[in-house]
């Protein structure tokens, strides 16, 4: 019988193969980098997504990006952000991250929450997609300010250290929220549940940060 880590590995691989192979087929000149080292040219057709979102395509492209060539873009993919929480059944922490970088900077991103509303009952809509582009804004959620006069920090749930805790203590926050996943932490910020994300430690990779950074910047935040 497969354990949670085996299931996580399978989920990681299937999601990344689907995303990267679908993007590679649509945009063959784009550089696509996923967390897992997997082929994109040997993927079964049932994993290929060839649809598109009319709502997004109707929006005008910001002027600064109209002249970009396909080969100048890099797409960073984290197929399962919040891995530890996934194996522990904390599904609301889990996100799928797709970030787009140009000239070494994050310019657009997608944060998908596949299990959003999973505890809200049978009639709830399961899952949501948050996306944003610099110069256009961010969509798929309600942008909310953190409570006035409150300093609320969001930080790691499963990768803490003495240094991380010391930095948080030095900020003298009113409250500390500990959750899994870089994408989930940025969601805490843009939905007003926290005012700062603190993780004073190496470990985050570009597939962790590209999409969240782009969305945070798109709404006026700083990363």
C-alpha atoms as a PDB file:
ATOM      1  CA  UNK A   1       0.000   0.000   0.000  1.00  0.00           C
ATOM      2  CA  UNK A   2       1.344   3.400  -0.988  1.00  0.00           C
ATOM      3  CA  UNK A   3       2.305   5.714   1.841  1.00  0.00           C
ATOM      4  CA  UNK A   4       1.775   9.494   1.878  1.00  0.00           C
ATOM      5  CA  UNK A   5       5.280  10.208   0.571  1.00  0.00           C
ATOM      6  CA  UNK A   6       4.733   7.864  -2.382  1.00  0.00           C
ATOM      7  CA  UNK A   7       1.440   9.594  -3.151  1.00  0.00           C
ATOM      8  CA  UNK A   8       3.127  12.991  -2.901  1.00  0.00           C
ATOM      9  CA  UNK A   9       5.848  11.933  -5.323  1.00  0.00           C
ATOM     10  CA  UNK A  10       3.289  10.648  -7.818  1.00  0.00           C
ATOM     11  CA  UNK A  11       1.215  13.826  -7.516  1.00  0.00           C
ATOM     12  CA  UNK A  12       4.333  15.980  -7.947  1.00  0.00           C
ATOM     13  CA  UNK A  13       5.382  14.145 -11.086  1.00  0.00           C
ATOM     14  CA  UNK A  14       1.989  13.990 -12.781  1.00  0.00           C
ATOM     15  CA  UNK A  15       1.176  17.656 -12.165  1.00  0.00           C
ATOM     16  CA  UNK A  16       4.566  18.850 -13.375  1.00  0.00           C
ATOM     17  CA  UNK A  17       4.492  16.631 -16.449  1.00  0.00           C
ATOM     18  CA  UNK A  18       1.038  17.962 -17.330  1.00  0.00           C
ATOM     19  CA  UNK A  19       1.954  21.629 -16.851  1.00  0.00           C
ATOM     20  CA  UNK A  20       5.396  21.569 -18.454  1.00  0.00           C
ATOM     21  CA  UNK A  21       4.464  19.370 -21.411  1.00  0.00           C
ATOM     22  CA  UNK A  22       1.338  21.429 -22.122  1.00  0.00           C
ATOM     23  CA  UNK A  23       3.303  24.685 -22.015  1.00  0.00           C
ATOM     24  CA  UNK A  24       6.155  23.258 -24.094  1.00  0.00           C
ATOM     25  CA  UNK A  25       3.724  22.172 -26.791  1.00  0.00           C
ATOM     26  CA  UNK A  26       2.061  25.595 -26.885  1.00  0.00           C
ATOM     27  CA  UNK A  27       5.225  27.672 -26.494  1.00  0.00           C
ATOM     28  CA  UNK A  28       8.180  25.616 -27.785  1.00  0.00           C
ATOM     29  CA  UNK A  29      10.724  28.452 -27.542  1.00  0.00           C
ATOM     30  CA  UNK A  30      10.078  29.263 -23.866  1.00  0.00           C
ATOM     31  CA  UNK A  31      12.468  27.928 -21.224  1.00  0.00           C
ATOM     32  CA  UNK A  32      10.473  25.889 -18.699  1.00  0.00           C
ATOM     33  CA  UNK A  33      12.042  24.843 -15.391  1.00  0.00           C
ATOM     34  CA  UNK A  34      10.221  22.579 -12.948  1.00  0.00           C
ATOM     35  CA  UNK A  35      11.128  21.480  -9.442  1.00  0.00           C
ATOM     36  CA  UNK A  36      11.394  17.866 -10.565  1.00  0.00           C
ATOM     37  CA  UNK A  37      13.742  16.768 -13.356  1.00  0.00           C
ATOM     38  CA  UNK A  38      11.247  15.163 -15.725  1.00  0.00           C
ATOM     39  CA  UNK A  39      10.949  14.815 -19.513  1.00  0.00           C
ATOM     40  CA  UNK A  40       8.319  16.869 -21.355  1.00  0.00           C
ATOM     41  CA  UNK A  41       8.487  15.040 -24.682  1.00  0.00           C
ATOM     42  CA  UNK A  42       7.248  11.649 -23.477  1.00  0.00           C
ATOM     43  CA  UNK A  43       3.921  12.545 -21.889  1.00  0.00           C
ATOM     44  CA  UNK A  44       0.628  10.794 -22.554  1.00  0.00           C
ATOM     45  CA  UNK A  45      -2.093  12.807 -24.283  1.00  0.00           C
ATOM     46  CA  UNK A  46      -4.424  12.632 -21.292  1.00  0.00           C
ATOM     47  CA  UNK A  47      -1.996  14.883 -19.392  1.00  0.00           C
ATOM     48  CA  UNK A  48      -1.977  17.587 -22.081  1.00  0.00           C
ATOM     49  CA  UNK A  49      -4.115  20.688 -21.482  1.00  0.00           C
ATOM     50  CA  UNK A  50      -4.709  22.680 -24.670  1.00  0.00           C
ATOM     51  CA  UNK A  51      -7.449  25.041 -23.512  1.00  0.00           C
ATOM     52  CA  UNK A  52      -7.222  28.726 -22.682  1.00  0.00           C
ATOM     53  CA  UNK A  53      -9.056  31.326 -20.592  1.00  0.00           C
ATOM     54  CA  UNK A  54     -11.057  33.833 -22.636  1.00  0.00           C
ATOM     55  CA  UNK A  55     -11.383  36.152 -19.631  1.00  0.00           C
ATOM     56  CA  UNK A  56      -7.613  36.583 -19.453  1.00  0.00           C
ATOM     57  CA  UNK A  57      -7.060  36.866 -23.209  1.00  0.00           C
ATOM     58  CA  UNK A  58      -9.590  39.709 -23.413  1.00  0.00           C
ATOM     59  CA  UNK A  59      -7.456  41.872 -21.131  1.00  0.00           C
ATOM     60  CA  UNK A  60      -4.941  44.200 -22.845  1.00  0.00           C
ATOM     61  CA  UNK A  61      -1.295  43.237 -22.481  1.00  0.00           C
ATOM     62  CA  UNK A  62       0.728  45.864 -20.569  1.00  0.00           C
ATOM     63  CA  UNK A  63       2.666  47.978 -23.068  1.00  0.00           C
ATOM     64  CA  UNK A  64       6.046  47.052 -21.606  1.00  0.00           C
ATOM     65  CA  UNK A  65       5.534  43.406 -22.562  1.00  0.00           C
ATOM     66  CA  UNK A  66       4.096  43.634 -26.080  1.00  0.00           C
ATOM     67  CA  UNK A  67       7.519  43.344 -27.721  1.00  0.00           C
ATOM     68  CA  UNK A  68       8.800  40.373 -25.698  1.00  0.00           C
ATOM     69  CA  UNK A  69       9.921  37.358 -27.702  1.00  0.00           C
ATOM     70  CA  UNK A  70       8.924  33.869 -26.634  1.00  0.00           C
ATOM     71  CA  UNK A  71      12.526  32.753 -26.186  1.00  0.00           C
ATOM     72  CA  UNK A  72      13.175  35.607 -23.723  1.00  0.00           C
ATOM     73  CA  UNK A  73      10.815  34.166 -21.118  1.00  0.00           C
ATOM     74  CA  UNK A  74      11.460  31.617 -18.380  1.00  0.00           C
ATOM     75  CA  UNK A  75       8.595  29.748 -16.716  1.00  0.00           C
ATOM     76  CA  UNK A  76       9.178  28.363 -13.214  1.00  0.00           C
ATOM     77  CA  UNK A  77       6.895  25.533 -12.074  1.00  0.00           C
ATOM     78  CA  UNK A  78       6.343  24.142  -8.583  1.00  0.00           C
ATOM     79  CA  UNK A  79       3.816  21.340  -9.073  1.00  0.00           C
ATOM     80  CA  UNK A  80       3.101  20.874  -5.363  1.00  0.00           C
ATOM     81  CA  UNK A  81       3.970  23.682  -2.976  1.00  0.00           C
ATOM     82  CA  UNK A  82       3.379  22.739   0.653  1.00  0.00           C
ATOM     83  CA  UNK A  83       4.574  19.161   0.279  1.00  0.00           C
ATOM     84  CA  UNK A  84       4.773  18.321   3.979  1.00  0.00           C
ATOM     85  CA  UNK A  85       1.293  19.655   4.618  1.00  0.00           C
ATOM     86  CA  UNK A  86      -0.016  17.627   1.672  1.00  0.00           C
ATOM     87  CA  UNK A  87       1.299  14.412   3.222  1.00  0.00           C
ATOM     88  CA  UNK A  88      -0.306  15.381   6.558  1.00  0.00           C
ATOM     89  CA  UNK A  89      -3.711  16.043   5.021  1.00  0.00           C
ATOM     90  CA  UNK A  90      -3.576  19.836   5.482  1.00  0.00           C
ATOM     91  CA  UNK A  91      -4.859  20.352   1.965  1.00  0.00           C
ATOM     92  CA  UNK A  92      -5.772  24.025   2.297  1.00  0.00           C
ATOM     93  CA  UNK A  93      -2.024  24.795   2.510  1.00  0.00           C
ATOM     94  CA  UNK A  94      -1.300  23.230  -0.882  1.00  0.00           C
ATOM     95  CA  UNK A  95      -0.780  25.299  -4.037  1.00  0.00           C
ATOM     96  CA  UNK A  96       0.467  24.852  -7.587  1.00  0.00           C
ATOM     97  CA  UNK A  97       2.802  27.652  -8.676  1.00  0.00           C
ATOM     98  CA  UNK A  98       3.556  28.831 -12.224  1.00  0.00           C
ATOM     99  CA  UNK A  99       5.715  31.954 -12.509  1.00  0.00           C
ATOM    100  CA  UNK A 100       6.916  33.835 -15.578  1.00  0.00           C
ATOM    101  CA  UNK A 101      10.212  35.721 -15.536  1.00  0.00           C
ATOM    102  CA  UNK A 102      11.679  38.167 -18.049  1.00  0.00           C
ATOM    103  CA  UNK A 103      15.175  39.575 -17.761  1.00  0.00           C
ATOM    104  CA  UNK A 104      15.636  37.807 -14.445  1.00  0.00           C
ATOM    105  CA  UNK A 105      12.547  39.386 -12.862  1.00  0.00           C
ATOM    106  CA  UNK A 106       9.163  37.885 -12.019  1.00  0.00           C
ATOM    107  CA  UNK A 107       6.519  39.558 -14.207  1.00  0.00           C
ATOM    108  CA  UNK A 108       3.511  37.232 -14.003  1.00  0.00           C
ATOM    109  CA  UNK A 109       2.299  34.352 -11.904  1.00  0.00           C
ATOM    110  CA  UNK A 110      -0.413  31.841 -11.170  1.00  0.00           C
ATOM    111  CA  UNK A 111      -1.228  30.377  -7.757  1.00  0.00           C
ATOM    112  CA  UNK A 112      -3.734  27.559  -7.984  1.00  0.00           C
ATOM    113  CA  UNK A 113      -5.335  26.229  -4.804  1.00  0.00           C
ATOM    114  CA  UNK A 114      -6.734  22.865  -5.906  1.00  0.00           C
ATOM    115  CA  UNK A 115      -8.303  22.135  -2.510  1.00  0.00           C
ATOM    116  CA  UNK A 116      -9.693  25.587  -1.720  1.00  0.00           C
ATOM    117  CA  UNK A 117     -13.064  25.144   0.042  1.00  0.00           C
ATOM    118  CA  UNK A 118     -12.476  21.409   0.512  1.00  0.00           C
ATOM    119  CA  UNK A 119     -13.947  21.601   4.021  1.00  0.00           C
ATOM    120  CA  UNK A 120     -16.833  23.893   3.081  1.00  0.00           C
ATOM    121  CA  UNK A 121     -19.362  21.189   2.267  1.00  0.00           C
ATOM    122  CA  UNK A 122     -20.634  19.322  -0.765  1.00  0.00           C
ATOM    123  CA  UNK A 123     -22.162  22.404  -2.400  1.00  0.00           C
ATOM    124  CA  UNK A 124     -18.997  24.525  -2.232  1.00  0.00           C
ATOM    125  CA  UNK A 125     -16.962  25.247  -5.358  1.00  0.00           C
ATOM    126  CA  UNK A 126     -13.701  23.334  -4.987  1.00  0.00           C
ATOM    127  CA  UNK A 127     -10.462  25.056  -5.967  1.00  0.00           C
ATOM    128  CA  UNK A 128      -9.563  28.522  -7.192  1.00  0.00           C
ATOM    129  CA  UNK A 129      -6.906  30.191  -9.319  1.00  0.00           C
ATOM    130  CA  UNK A 130      -5.214  33.468  -8.414  1.00  0.00           C
ATOM    131  CA  UNK A 131      -3.173  35.155 -11.136  1.00  0.00           C
ATOM    132  CA  UNK A 132      -1.446  38.439 -11.756  1.00  0.00           C
ATOM    133  CA  UNK A 133       0.691  40.415 -14.194  1.00  0.00           C
ATOM    134  CA  UNK A 134       2.836  43.428 -13.375  1.00  0.00           C
ATOM    135  CA  UNK A 135       1.168  46.486 -14.855  1.00  0.00           C
ATOM    136  CA  UNK A 136      -2.213  44.753 -15.052  1.00  0.00           C
ATOM    137  CA  UNK A 137      -3.048  43.718 -11.497  1.00  0.00           C
ATOM    138  CA  UNK A 138      -4.022  40.467  -9.791  1.00  0.00           C
ATOM    139  CA  UNK A 139      -7.285  38.551  -9.984  1.00  0.00           C
ATOM    140  CA  UNK A 140      -9.184  35.599  -8.543  1.00  0.00           C
ATOM    141  CA  UNK A 141      -9.369  36.855  -4.947  1.00  0.00           C
ATOM    142  CA  UNK A 142     -10.484  39.855  -2.892  1.00  0.00           C
ATOM    143  CA  UNK A 143      -7.544  42.142  -2.124  1.00  0.00           C
ATOM    144  CA  UNK A 144      -7.788  43.062   1.566  1.00  0.00           C
ATOM    145  CA  UNK A 145      -5.671  45.216   3.862  1.00  0.00           C
ATOM    146  CA  UNK A 146      -4.300  43.692   7.066  1.00  0.00           C
ATOM    147  CA  UNK A 147      -6.049  44.897  10.258  1.00  0.00           C
ATOM    148  CA  UNK A 148      -5.090  48.492  11.019  1.00  0.00           C
ATOM    149  CA  UNK A 149      -2.693  48.879  13.914  1.00  0.00           C
ATOM    150  CA  UNK A 150      -1.873  45.174  13.987  1.00  0.00           C
ATOM    151  CA  UNK A 151       1.503  43.705  13.041  1.00  0.00           C
ATOM    152  CA  UNK A 152       0.791  40.119  11.999  1.00  0.00           C
ATOM    153  CA  UNK A 153       3.603  37.919  10.690  1.00  0.00           C
ATOM    154  CA  UNK A 154       3.155  34.781   8.615  1.00  0.00           C
ATOM    155  CA  UNK A 155       6.009  32.293   8.577  1.00  0.00           C
ATOM    156  CA  UNK A 156       6.928  28.669   8.019  1.00  0.00           C
ATOM    157  CA  UNK A 157       5.090  25.887   9.761  1.00  0.00           C
ATOM    158  CA  UNK A 158       7.513  23.042   9.061  1.00  0.00           C
ATOM    159  CA  UNK A 159      10.957  24.578   8.350  1.00  0.00           C
ATOM    160  CA  UNK A 160      11.539  26.817  11.344  1.00  0.00           C
ATOM    161  CA  UNK A 161      14.928  27.468  12.951  1.00  0.00           C
ATOM    162  CA  UNK A 162      16.424  29.456  15.802  1.00  0.00           C
ATOM    163  CA  UNK A 163      17.349  32.255  13.377  1.00  0.00           C
ATOM    164  CA  UNK A 164      13.842  32.441  11.920  1.00  0.00           C
ATOM    165  CA  UNK A 165      12.318  32.615  15.402  1.00  0.00           C
ATOM    166  CA  UNK A 166      14.832  35.241  16.543  1.00  0.00           C
ATOM    167  CA  UNK A 167      14.005  37.446  13.555  1.00  0.00           C
ATOM    168  CA  UNK A 168      10.289  37.139  14.215  1.00  0.00           C
ATOM    169  CA  UNK A 169      10.757  37.957  17.907  1.00  0.00           C
ATOM    170  CA  UNK A 170      12.820  41.029  16.979  1.00  0.00           C
ATOM    171  CA  UNK A 171       9.864  42.351  14.973  1.00  0.00           C
ATOM    172  CA  UNK A 172       7.657  42.166  18.078  1.00  0.00           C
ATOM    173  CA  UNK A 173       4.540  41.057  16.190  1.00  0.00           C
ATOM    174  CA  UNK A 174       1.054  41.058  17.669  1.00  0.00           C
ATOM    175  CA  UNK A 175       0.416  37.625  16.223  1.00  0.00           C
ATOM    176  CA  UNK A 176       2.293  34.925  14.274  1.00  0.00           C
ATOM    177  CA  UNK A 177       0.602  32.654  11.721  1.00  0.00           C
ATOM    178  CA  UNK A 178       2.430  29.442  10.820  1.00  0.00           C
ATOM    179  CA  UNK A 179       1.385  27.827   7.548  1.00  0.00           C
ATOM    180  CA  UNK A 180       2.953  25.674   4.853  1.00  0.00           C
ATOM    181  CA  UNK A 181       3.869  26.645   1.303  1.00  0.00           C
ATOM    182  CA  UNK A 182       5.321  29.857  -0.134  1.00  0.00           C
ATOM    183  CA  UNK A 183       2.224  30.377  -2.267  1.00  0.00           C
ATOM    184  CA  UNK A 184      -0.071  29.991   0.718  1.00  0.00           C
ATOM    185  CA  UNK A 185       1.922  32.535   2.714  1.00  0.00           C
ATOM    186  CA  UNK A 186       1.570  35.160  -0.011  1.00  0.00           C
ATOM    187  CA  UNK A 187      -2.177  34.469  -0.073  1.00  0.00           C
ATOM    188  CA  UNK A 188      -2.243  35.303   3.658  1.00  0.00           C
ATOM    189  CA  UNK A 189      -0.749  38.707   2.770  1.00  0.00           C
ATOM    190  CA  UNK A 190      -2.950  39.653  -0.178  1.00  0.00           C
ATOM    191  CA  UNK A 191      -6.114  38.587   1.634  1.00  0.00           C
ATOM    192  CA  UNK A 192      -5.236  40.710   4.670  1.00  0.00           C
ATOM    193  CA  UNK A 193      -4.645  37.930   7.168  1.00  0.00           C
ATOM    194  CA  UNK A 194      -1.011  38.986   7.687  1.00  0.00           C
ATOM    195  CA  UNK A 195       1.080  42.096   7.084  1.00  0.00           C
ATOM    196  CA  UNK A 196       4.517  40.518   6.568  1.00  0.00           C
ATOM    197  CA  UNK A 197       6.008  37.180   5.525  1.00  0.00           C
ATOM    198  CA  UNK A 198       9.230  36.392   7.397  1.00  0.00           C
ATOM    199  CA  UNK A 199      11.527  33.477   6.596  1.00  0.00           C
ATOM    200  CA  UNK A 200      15.140  34.440   7.357  1.00  0.00           C
ATOM    201  CA  UNK A 201      16.694  31.251   6.061  1.00  0.00           C
ATOM    202  CA  UNK A 202      17.992  29.794   2.784  1.00  0.00           C
ATOM    203  CA  UNK A 203      15.866  27.162   1.119  1.00  0.00           C
ATOM    204  CA  UNK A 204      13.364  28.863  -1.180  1.00  0.00           C
ATOM    205  CA  UNK A 205      13.978  28.280  -4.887  1.00  0.00           C
ATOM    206  CA  UNK A 206      12.809  30.292  -7.885  1.00  0.00           C
ATOM    207  CA  UNK A 207       9.974  27.857  -8.556  1.00  0.00           C
ATOM    208  CA  UNK A 208       8.802  28.662  -4.992  1.00  0.00           C
ATOM    209  CA  UNK A 209       9.026  32.431  -5.337  1.00  0.00           C
ATOM    210  CA  UNK A 210       8.495  33.510  -8.964  1.00  0.00           C
ATOM    211  CA  UNK A 211       4.695  33.283  -9.077  1.00  0.00           C
ATOM    212  CA  UNK A 212       4.095  34.617  -5.521  1.00  0.00           C
ATOM    213  CA  UNK A 213       6.530  37.498  -6.081  1.00  0.00           C
ATOM    214  CA  UNK A 214       4.834  38.564  -9.323  1.00  0.00           C
ATOM    215  CA  UNK A 215       1.367  38.515  -7.758  1.00  0.00           C
ATOM    216  CA  UNK A 216       2.500  40.381  -4.645  1.00  0.00           C
ATOM    217  CA  UNK A 217       4.209  43.061  -6.767  1.00  0.00           C
ATOM    218  CA  UNK A 218       1.152  43.309  -9.030  1.00  0.00           C
ATOM    219  CA  UNK A 219      -0.939  44.513  -6.071  1.00  0.00           C
ATOM    220  CA  UNK A 220       1.707  46.924  -4.766  1.00  0.00           C
ATOM    221  CA  UNK A 221       3.480  44.693  -2.249  1.00  0.00           C
ATOM    222  CA  UNK A 222       7.211  44.090  -1.897  1.00  0.00           C
ATOM    223  CA  UNK A 223       9.082  40.793  -1.798  1.00  0.00           C
END
